[in-house]
Amino acid sequence: SPATAVDETFDASRHVVLPGLINTHHHFYQTLTRAHPEAINKELFAWLKALYPVWARLTTHSHRLATRLALTELLMSGVTTTSDHHYLFPGGLDEAMDIQVEEARMLGVRMTVTRGSMNLSEKDGGLPPDSVVQDEDEILADSARVVAKYHERGEGAMVQIALAPCSPWSATTSLMRRTAELAEKCDCRLHTHLAEVRDEEGHVFPRGERIAVCERTFGLLTEGP
């Protein structure tokens, strides 16, 4: 019998009881642009280019709604533990991580909130427009803030923070390395995108430089400069 009093007893003898499902990668804000007519049936890079101008208008209110909707949909499908890779920070969305923690706690979902980042825009040879990227020092300062404020350790942790430069084509080598160093210092996990589709492999590895890209992505802290 339970060690503490319960509010209600449910007879599950005619049911199959499963543990909660785990979702390891998501982009909650993209819930708002499903089936957008400008992006239907496009390959990854063309899809991103079509939607970046739309996502650039993401506000704190719409981000909160997207997070709440995505978490609710996950719960209704049996997911009780999730991660979200949020790397989009248009002007005015400085509290994106705080919003996600608030919503996860309100709904009772166990969540890894990944503080994503992009600092390599179109003008510097990257994919995203200037309006959705941040300065490297700004990214690292906020990453440290979020880890210090929300990262829980140990058994039973409900909210954990991971650091997550978006991809080798939207984050610089310096940001990748410094983020890896910060994650090691803060004892939290790293997360990124790498070689999702064939088009990306051609973009990221134009001369077969797989070692260089892995170094950029994972830091290779033990090898020094």
Protein backbone atom coordinates (compact mmCIF):
# COMPACT_ATOMS: atom_id res chain seq x y z
CA SER A 1 0.00 0.00 0.00
CA PRO A 2 1.15 3.62 -0.54
CA ALA A 3 3.26 5.17 2.18
CA THR A 4 1.16 8.34 2.08
CA ALA A 5 -2.54 9.01 1.69
CA VAL A 6 -3.92 9.10 -1.85
CA ASP A 7 -6.71 11.30 -3.24
CA GLU A 8 -8.19 8.73 -5.59
CA THR A 9 -7.86 5.05 -6.44
CA PHE A 10 -8.22 3.88 -10.06
CA ASP A 11 -8.86 0.24 -10.96
CA ALA A 12 -6.43 -0.50 -13.82
CA SER A 13 -7.00 -4.26 -13.83
CA ARG A 14 -8.47 -4.08 -17.36
CA HIS A 15 -5.70 -1.81 -18.68
CA VAL A 16 -2.10 -2.12 -19.78
CA VAL A 17 0.12 0.22 -17.77
CA LEU A 18 3.26 1.49 -19.51
CA PRO A 19 6.02 3.80 -18.31
CA GLY A 20 5.95 7.30 -19.76
CA LEU A 21 7.56 7.70 -23.18
CA ILE A 22 10.69 9.83 -23.67
CA ASN A 23 11.12 12.39 -26.45
CA THR A 24 14.79 13.32 -26.92
CA HIS A 25 14.55 16.07 -29.57
CA HIS A 26 11.93 18.65 -30.41
CA HIS A 27 11.46 22.27 -31.56
CA PHE A 28 8.39 23.51 -29.74
CA TYR A 29 8.23 26.87 -31.50
CA GLN A 30 7.83 25.11 -34.87
CA THR A 31 4.48 23.76 -33.66
CA LEU A 32 3.03 27.11 -34.78
CA THR A 33 4.11 26.73 -38.41
CA ARG A 34 3.06 23.19 -39.28
CA ALA A 35 2.02 22.84 -42.91
CA HIS A 36 2.96 26.45 -43.68
CA PRO A 37 2.21 26.90 -47.40
CA GLU A 38 5.64 28.40 -48.13
CA ALA A 39 7.46 25.35 -46.79
CA ILE A 40 5.46 22.29 -47.83
CA ASN A 41 7.43 19.46 -49.48
CA LYS A 42 10.75 21.32 -49.42
CA GLU A 43 14.17 19.93 -48.56
CA LEU A 44 15.74 20.96 -45.26
CA PHE A 45 17.68 24.06 -46.32
CA ALA A 46 14.89 25.41 -48.55
CA TRP A 47 12.39 24.67 -45.77
CA LEU A 48 14.49 26.59 -43.25
CA LYS A 49 14.99 29.54 -45.60
CA ALA A 50 11.22 29.72 -46.17
CA LEU A 51 10.38 29.71 -42.48
CA TYR A 52 13.16 31.80 -40.90
CA PRO A 53 11.35 35.08 -41.79
CA VAL A 54 8.20 33.74 -40.11
CA TRP A 55 10.06 32.48 -37.04
CA ALA A 56 11.85 35.83 -36.76
CA ARG A 57 8.50 37.27 -35.59
CA LEU A 58 8.28 34.88 -32.62
CA THR A 59 7.22 36.75 -29.45
CA THR A 60 7.27 35.81 -25.77
CA HIS A 61 3.51 35.21 -25.92
CA SER A 62 3.58 33.00 -29.01
CA HIS A 63 6.60 31.13 -27.66
CA ARG A 64 4.74 30.42 -24.43
CA LEU A 65 1.69 29.19 -26.33
CA ALA A 66 3.83 26.99 -28.59
CA THR A 67 5.60 25.48 -25.59
CA ARG A 68 2.33 24.81 -23.76
CA LEU A 69 0.73 23.29 -26.86
CA ALA A 70 3.71 21.06 -27.63
CA LEU A 71 3.96 19.82 -24.05
CA THR A 72 0.22 19.13 -23.91
CA GLU A 73 0.35 17.18 -27.18
CA LEU A 74 3.28 15.14 -25.87
CA LEU A 75 1.48 14.34 -22.63
CA MET A 76 -1.63 13.27 -24.54
CA SER A 77 0.51 10.87 -26.60
CA GLY A 78 2.08 9.31 -23.50
CA VAL A 79 5.32 11.31 -23.27
CA THR A 80 6.25 12.32 -19.73
CA THR A 81 9.91 13.23 -20.30
CA THR A 82 11.02 15.49 -23.11
CA SER A 83 13.76 17.73 -24.42
CA ASP A 84 13.38 20.84 -26.54
CA HIS A 85 16.15 22.33 -28.67
CA HIS A 86 15.36 26.04 -28.74
CA TYR A 87 17.99 28.04 -30.63
CA LEU A 88 15.94 30.93 -32.06
CA PHE A 89 16.28 34.27 -30.25
CA PRO A 90 14.81 37.18 -32.20
CA GLY A 91 14.80 40.55 -30.42
CA GLY A 92 12.68 40.57 -27.27
CA LEU A 93 12.81 36.82 -26.64
CA ASP A 94 15.56 36.88 -24.01
CA GLU A 95 13.48 34.87 -21.52
CA ALA A 96 12.74 31.94 -23.83
CA MET A 97 14.34 29.41 -21.48
CA ASP A 98 12.58 30.82 -18.42
CA ILE A 99 9.24 30.47 -20.20
CA GLN A 100 9.91 26.84 -21.06
CA VAL A 101 10.87 25.98 -17.48
CA GLU A 102 7.71 27.67 -16.18
CA GLU A 103 5.48 25.77 -18.61
CA ALA A 104 7.13 22.40 -17.95
CA ARG A 105 6.75 22.86 -14.20
CA MET A 106 3.13 23.95 -14.55
CA LEU A 107 2.26 20.79 -16.53
CA GLY A 108 4.43 18.46 -14.45
CA VAL A 109 6.60 17.28 -17.35
CA ARG A 110 10.17 16.16 -16.76
CA MET A 111 12.23 18.19 -19.23
CA THR A 112 15.71 18.88 -20.47
CA VAL A 113 15.62 22.51 -21.58
CA THR A 114 18.38 23.04 -24.11
CA ARG A 115 19.73 26.55 -24.40
CA GLY A 116 20.37 26.54 -28.14
CA SER A 117 22.27 29.18 -30.07
CA MET A 118 23.13 30.55 -33.51
CA ASN A 119 25.77 33.19 -34.25
CA LEU A 120 26.68 32.45 -37.89
CA SER A 121 24.25 34.40 -40.08
CA GLU A 122 23.89 34.79 -43.83
CA LYS A 123 26.33 37.69 -44.03
CA ASP A 124 29.04 35.48 -42.49
CA GLY A 125 28.33 32.44 -44.65
CA GLY A 126 25.72 30.76 -42.47
CA LEU A 127 22.09 29.93 -43.16
CA PRO A 128 19.93 31.98 -40.73
CA PRO A 129 19.18 35.69 -41.23
CA ASP A 130 20.84 38.29 -39.03
CA SER A 131 17.60 38.93 -37.11
CA VAL A 132 17.57 35.56 -35.32
CA VAL A 133 21.23 35.13 -34.31
CA GLN A 134 23.02 36.41 -31.21
CA ASP A 135 26.50 37.57 -30.25
CA GLU A 136 28.78 34.83 -28.93
CA ASP A 137 29.43 36.49 -25.57
CA GLU A 138 25.71 37.16 -25.12
CA ILE A 139 24.95 33.50 -25.80
CA LEU A 140 27.53 32.21 -23.33
CA ALA A 141 26.48 34.65 -20.60
CA ASP A 142 22.84 33.62 -20.87
CA SER A 143 23.79 29.94 -21.06
CA ALA A 144 25.65 30.28 -17.76
CA ARG A 145 22.69 32.15 -16.25
CA VAL A 146 20.19 29.49 -17.25
CA VAL A 147 22.33 26.63 -15.96
CA ALA A 148 22.92 28.39 -12.64
CA LYS A 149 19.22 29.18 -12.21
CA TYR A 150 17.49 26.01 -13.35
CA HIS A 151 19.79 23.00 -13.73
CA GLU A 152 18.84 20.25 -11.27
CA ARG A 153 21.18 17.37 -10.50
CA GLY A 154 20.69 13.97 -8.98
CA GLU A 155 17.94 11.37 -8.91
CA GLY A 156 14.46 12.77 -9.36
CA ALA A 157 15.53 15.95 -11.16
CA MET A 158 12.58 17.39 -13.09
CA VAL A 159 14.34 20.20 -15.00
CA GLN A 160 17.83 19.95 -16.43
CA ILE A 161 19.67 22.30 -18.78
CA ALA A 162 21.76 21.31 -21.80
CA LEU A 163 23.78 23.66 -24.01
CA ALA A 164 23.08 23.34 -27.71
CA PRO A 165 24.73 25.28 -30.56
CA CYS A 166 22.30 24.71 -33.41
CA SER A 167 24.51 23.24 -36.13
CA PRO A 168 27.89 23.55 -37.90
CA TRP A 169 26.23 25.80 -40.50
CA SER A 170 24.72 28.25 -38.00
CA ALA A 171 27.31 28.35 -35.20
CA THR A 172 30.98 29.27 -35.43
CA THR A 173 33.87 27.06 -34.41
CA SER A 174 34.59 29.42 -31.53
CA LEU A 175 31.03 29.20 -30.20
CA MET A 176 31.10 25.41 -30.45
CA ARG A 177 34.36 25.19 -28.53
CA ARG A 178 33.44 27.72 -25.84
CA THR A 179 30.03 26.13 -25.33
CA ALA A 180 31.67 22.72 -24.87
CA GLU A 181 34.04 24.23 -22.31
CA LEU A 182 31.14 25.83 -20.45
CA ALA A 183 29.14 22.59 -20.45
CA GLU A 184 32.12 20.73 -19.00
CA LYS A 185 32.57 23.41 -16.34
CA CYS A 186 28.86 23.37 -15.42
CA ASP A 187 28.56 19.57 -15.61
CA CYS A 188 25.68 19.62 -18.09
CA ARG A 189 25.10 17.98 -21.45
CA LEU A 190 25.75 19.15 -25.03
CA HIS A 191 23.33 18.84 -27.91
CA THR A 192 23.39 19.79 -31.61
CA HIS A 193 22.32 18.88 -35.15
CA LEU A 194 24.82 17.13 -37.40
CA ALA A 195 24.43 15.59 -40.87
CA GLU A 196 20.63 15.34 -40.79
CA VAL A 197 20.20 15.08 -44.57
CA ARG A 198 22.36 14.59 -47.68
CA ASP A 199 22.18 18.29 -48.58
CA GLU A 200 23.72 19.13 -45.23
CA GLU A 201 26.54 16.65 -45.73
CA GLY A 202 27.42 18.41 -48.97
CA HIS A 203 27.32 21.80 -47.27
CA VAL A 204 29.19 20.81 -44.13
CA PHE A 205 31.73 18.47 -45.73
CA PRO A 206 32.52 20.15 -49.09
CA ARG A 207 36.01 18.64 -49.13
CA GLY A 208 35.48 15.62 -46.93
CA GLU A 209 36.64 17.52 -43.82
CA ARG A 210 34.76 15.33 -41.37
CA ILE A 211 37.40 15.54 -38.66
CA ALA A 212 37.35 19.34 -38.73
CA VAL A 213 33.56 19.42 -38.43
CA CYS A 214 33.54 16.94 -35.56
CA GLU A 215 36.14 19.08 -33.84
CA ARG A 216 33.94 22.13 -34.35
CA THR A 217 30.85 20.34 -33.09
CA PHE A 218 32.11 18.45 -30.06
CA GLY A 219 34.96 20.66 -28.90
CA LEU A 220 37.67 17.97 -28.50
CA LEU A 221 38.71 19.78 -25.34
CA THR A 222 41.55 17.38 -24.63
CA GLU A 223 43.43 18.30 -27.81
CA GLY A 224 44.04 21.95 -26.97
CA PRO A 225 44.12 24.83 -29.48
